[in-house]
Amino acid sequence: MPPSFHYLPEDPLVLLCQEVAALLAKGAIEKVPVPVVGRGCYSRYFLIPKKDKMLTLAQVLCALDPGDWMVALDLQDAYFHIPILPAHRCYLRFVVGHYHFQFTVLPVGRTSAPRVFTKVMAVVAAHLCRLGVSVFPYLDDWLLKAPSPRTVVSHL
């Protein structure tokens, strides 16, 4: 038996529909196939607790030396680079209006998403460190550090 759905008033629904259209265009979500609509795990809320063992400003400041240069990178739609197996998409469903959708990539807002993303990106950060790049990852925002402007630009 599918869960009962709460329909939103018009204004928030318009905004949600715009966001759904953007996610569909990026391939981050897909429509749930009609034969399985109402089955699977539907979420009404995607809440993120505000506790985590993330990099802090104090840690970055301790790692800086006088004269260091830094560059900030913002990984656009970072979570969308981590695909969800088709068999597991049924656990990431939601409804907007009367339409059913499921995520095809790691969804922003799931409580486990920051941890999953951090674990995947730790492999990338470790590889960069082995190449001599000083990197400070914080979810989808990364800082690169080098002793000169030329070196920090070469790390991009």
Protein backbone atom coordinates (compact mmCIF):
# COMPACT_ATOMS: atom_id res chain seq x y z
CA MET A 1 0.00 0.00 0.00
CA PRO A 2 1.64 3.30 -1.03
CA PRO A 3 1.95 6.03 1.59
CA SER A 4 -0.54 8.88 1.62
CA PHE A 5 0.88 11.95 -0.06
CA HIS A 6 0.49 15.52 1.08
CA TYR A 7 -0.04 17.92 -1.78
CA LEU A 8 1.55 21.36 -1.60
CA PRO A 9 -0.10 24.72 -2.18
CA GLU A 10 0.36 26.23 -5.64
CA ASP A 11 3.38 28.54 -5.11
CA PRO A 12 5.75 25.99 -3.53
CA LEU A 13 4.52 23.42 -6.04
CA VAL A 14 5.53 25.69 -8.93
CA LEU A 15 9.02 26.05 -7.45
CA LEU A 16 9.31 22.30 -6.89
CA CYS A 17 8.21 21.61 -10.47
CA GLN A 18 10.93 23.95 -11.74
CA GLU A 19 13.54 22.13 -9.65
CA VAL A 20 12.24 18.75 -10.82
CA ALA A 21 12.52 19.91 -14.44
CA ALA A 22 16.13 20.98 -13.81
CA LEU A 23 16.96 17.63 -12.17
CA LEU A 24 15.34 15.74 -15.06
CA ALA A 25 17.37 17.77 -17.57
CA LYS A 26 20.59 16.90 -15.71
CA GLY A 27 19.66 13.21 -15.56
CA ALA A 28 19.73 13.26 -11.75
CA ILE A 29 16.20 11.89 -11.51
CA GLU A 30 13.87 9.89 -13.71
CA LYS A 31 10.15 9.19 -13.76
CA VAL A 32 9.17 6.02 -11.94
CA PRO A 33 7.93 3.41 -14.44
CA VAL A 34 4.10 3.21 -14.32
CA PRO A 35 3.95 -0.50 -13.33
CA VAL A 36 5.89 0.20 -10.10
CA VAL A 37 4.39 3.58 -9.10
CA GLY A 38 3.57 3.51 -5.39
CA ARG A 39 5.98 0.66 -4.65
CA GLY A 40 9.44 1.15 -3.18
CA CYS A 41 10.47 3.64 -0.52
CA TYR A 42 9.10 7.16 -0.80
CA SER A 43 10.54 9.98 1.25
CA ARG A 44 8.59 13.06 2.32
CA TYR A 45 11.64 14.71 3.84
CA PHE A 46 15.34 14.79 3.04
CA LEU A 47 16.91 16.07 6.26
CA ILE A 48 20.62 16.44 6.95
CA PRO A 49 21.77 16.46 10.57
CA LYS A 50 24.30 19.19 11.30
CA LYS A 51 26.92 17.00 12.96
CA ASP A 52 29.84 15.57 11.08
CA LYS A 53 33.59 15.15 11.27
CA MET A 54 34.31 17.64 8.52
CA LEU A 55 37.39 19.75 7.90
CA THR A 56 37.44 22.89 10.02
CA LEU A 57 38.86 26.35 9.40
CA ALA A 58 41.27 25.82 12.31
CA GLN A 59 42.72 22.74 10.59
CA VAL A 60 43.26 24.67 7.36
CA LEU A 61 44.88 27.60 9.17
CA CYS A 62 47.29 25.26 11.00
CA ALA A 63 48.42 23.81 7.67
CA LEU A 64 49.24 27.19 6.09
CA ASP A 65 52.76 28.53 5.88
CA PRO A 66 53.66 32.21 5.32
CA GLY A 67 53.58 32.98 1.61
CA ASP A 68 51.30 30.08 0.66
CA TRP A 69 48.86 30.58 -2.17
CA MET A 70 45.45 28.95 -2.30
CA VAL A 71 42.71 28.42 -4.82
CA ALA A 72 39.13 27.37 -4.06
CA LEU A 73 37.27 24.85 -6.20
CA ASP A 74 33.51 24.39 -6.13
CA LEU A 75 32.51 21.07 -7.66
CA GLN A 76 29.23 21.85 -9.45
CA ASP A 77 26.43 19.31 -8.83
CA ALA A 78 29.05 17.18 -7.13
CA TYR A 79 26.70 14.51 -5.77
CA PHE A 80 25.36 13.94 -9.28
CA HIS A 81 28.66 12.30 -10.28
CA ILE A 82 27.90 9.31 -8.04
CA PRO A 83 25.39 7.01 -9.78
CA ILE A 84 22.82 4.87 -7.97
CA LEU A 85 22.44 1.27 -9.11
CA PRO A 86 19.14 0.84 -10.99
CA ALA A 87 18.02 -1.85 -8.51
CA HIS A 88 18.48 0.62 -5.60
CA ARG A 89 16.64 3.59 -7.13
CA CYS A 90 13.33 2.33 -5.73
CA TYR A 91 14.58 3.44 -2.30
CA LEU A 92 15.01 7.04 -3.46
CA ARG A 93 11.53 7.94 -4.67
CA PHE A 94 9.42 11.04 -4.17
CA VAL A 95 6.26 12.63 -5.53
CA VAL A 96 5.73 16.15 -6.83
CA GLY A 97 2.17 16.95 -7.79
CA HIS A 98 0.85 13.64 -9.10
CA TYR A 99 4.14 12.57 -10.69
CA HIS A 100 6.47 9.97 -9.20
CA PHE A 101 10.26 10.28 -9.52
CA GLN A 102 13.36 8.46 -8.34
CA PHE A 103 16.96 9.56 -8.11
CA THR A 104 19.49 8.09 -10.55
CA VAL A 105 22.41 9.70 -8.71
CA LEU A 106 23.32 10.41 -5.09
CA PRO A 107 20.59 12.80 -3.92
CA VAL A 108 21.36 15.98 -2.05
CA GLY A 109 19.54 15.97 1.26
CA ARG A 110 19.71 12.31 2.24
CA THR A 111 21.29 11.93 5.66
CA SER A 112 23.88 9.49 4.31
CA ALA A 113 24.79 11.57 1.23
CA PRO A 114 27.58 13.70 2.78
CA ARG A 115 29.28 10.61 4.21
CA VAL A 116 29.02 8.64 0.96
CA PHE A 117 30.31 11.59 -1.05
CA THR A 118 33.16 12.24 1.41
CA LYS A 119 34.24 8.58 1.29
CA VAL A 120 34.28 8.53 -2.52
CA MET A 121 36.13 11.85 -2.76
CA ALA A 122 38.68 10.77 -0.13
CA VAL A 123 40.07 8.41 -2.77
CA VAL A 124 40.50 11.33 -5.20
CA ALA A 125 42.05 13.53 -2.49
CA ALA A 126 44.49 10.76 -1.50
CA HIS A 127 45.58 10.39 -5.13
CA LEU A 128 46.18 14.15 -5.42
CA CYS A 129 48.22 14.09 -2.19
CA ARG A 130 50.38 11.28 -3.63
CA LEU A 131 51.01 13.56 -6.62
CA GLY A 132 52.22 16.30 -4.27
CA VAL A 133 49.08 18.45 -4.28
CA SER A 134 48.04 19.88 -0.91
CA VAL A 135 44.28 19.58 -0.91
CA PHE A 136 41.68 20.38 1.76
CA PRO A 137 38.36 18.79 0.77
CA TYR A 138 35.11 19.90 2.38
CA LEU A 139 32.27 18.12 0.59
CA ASP A 140 32.02 19.86 -2.80
CA ASP A 141 34.29 22.79 -1.87
CA TRP A 142 38.02 22.12 -2.05
CA LEU A 143 41.04 24.28 -1.31
CA LEU A 144 44.37 23.66 -3.04
CA LYS A 145 47.54 25.04 -1.45
CA ALA A 146 50.97 25.69 -2.97
CA PRO A 147 54.00 27.87 -2.24
CA SER A 148 53.61 29.98 -5.41
CA PRO A 149 50.88 31.24 -7.75
CA ARG A 150 52.35 29.27 -10.66
CA THR A 151 52.34 26.01 -8.69
CA VAL A 152 48.80 26.42 -7.39
CA VAL A 153 47.54 27.17 -10.92
CA SER A 154 49.38 24.12 -12.27
CA HIS A 155 47.44 21.97 -9.78
CA LEU A 156 44.18 23.00 -11.41
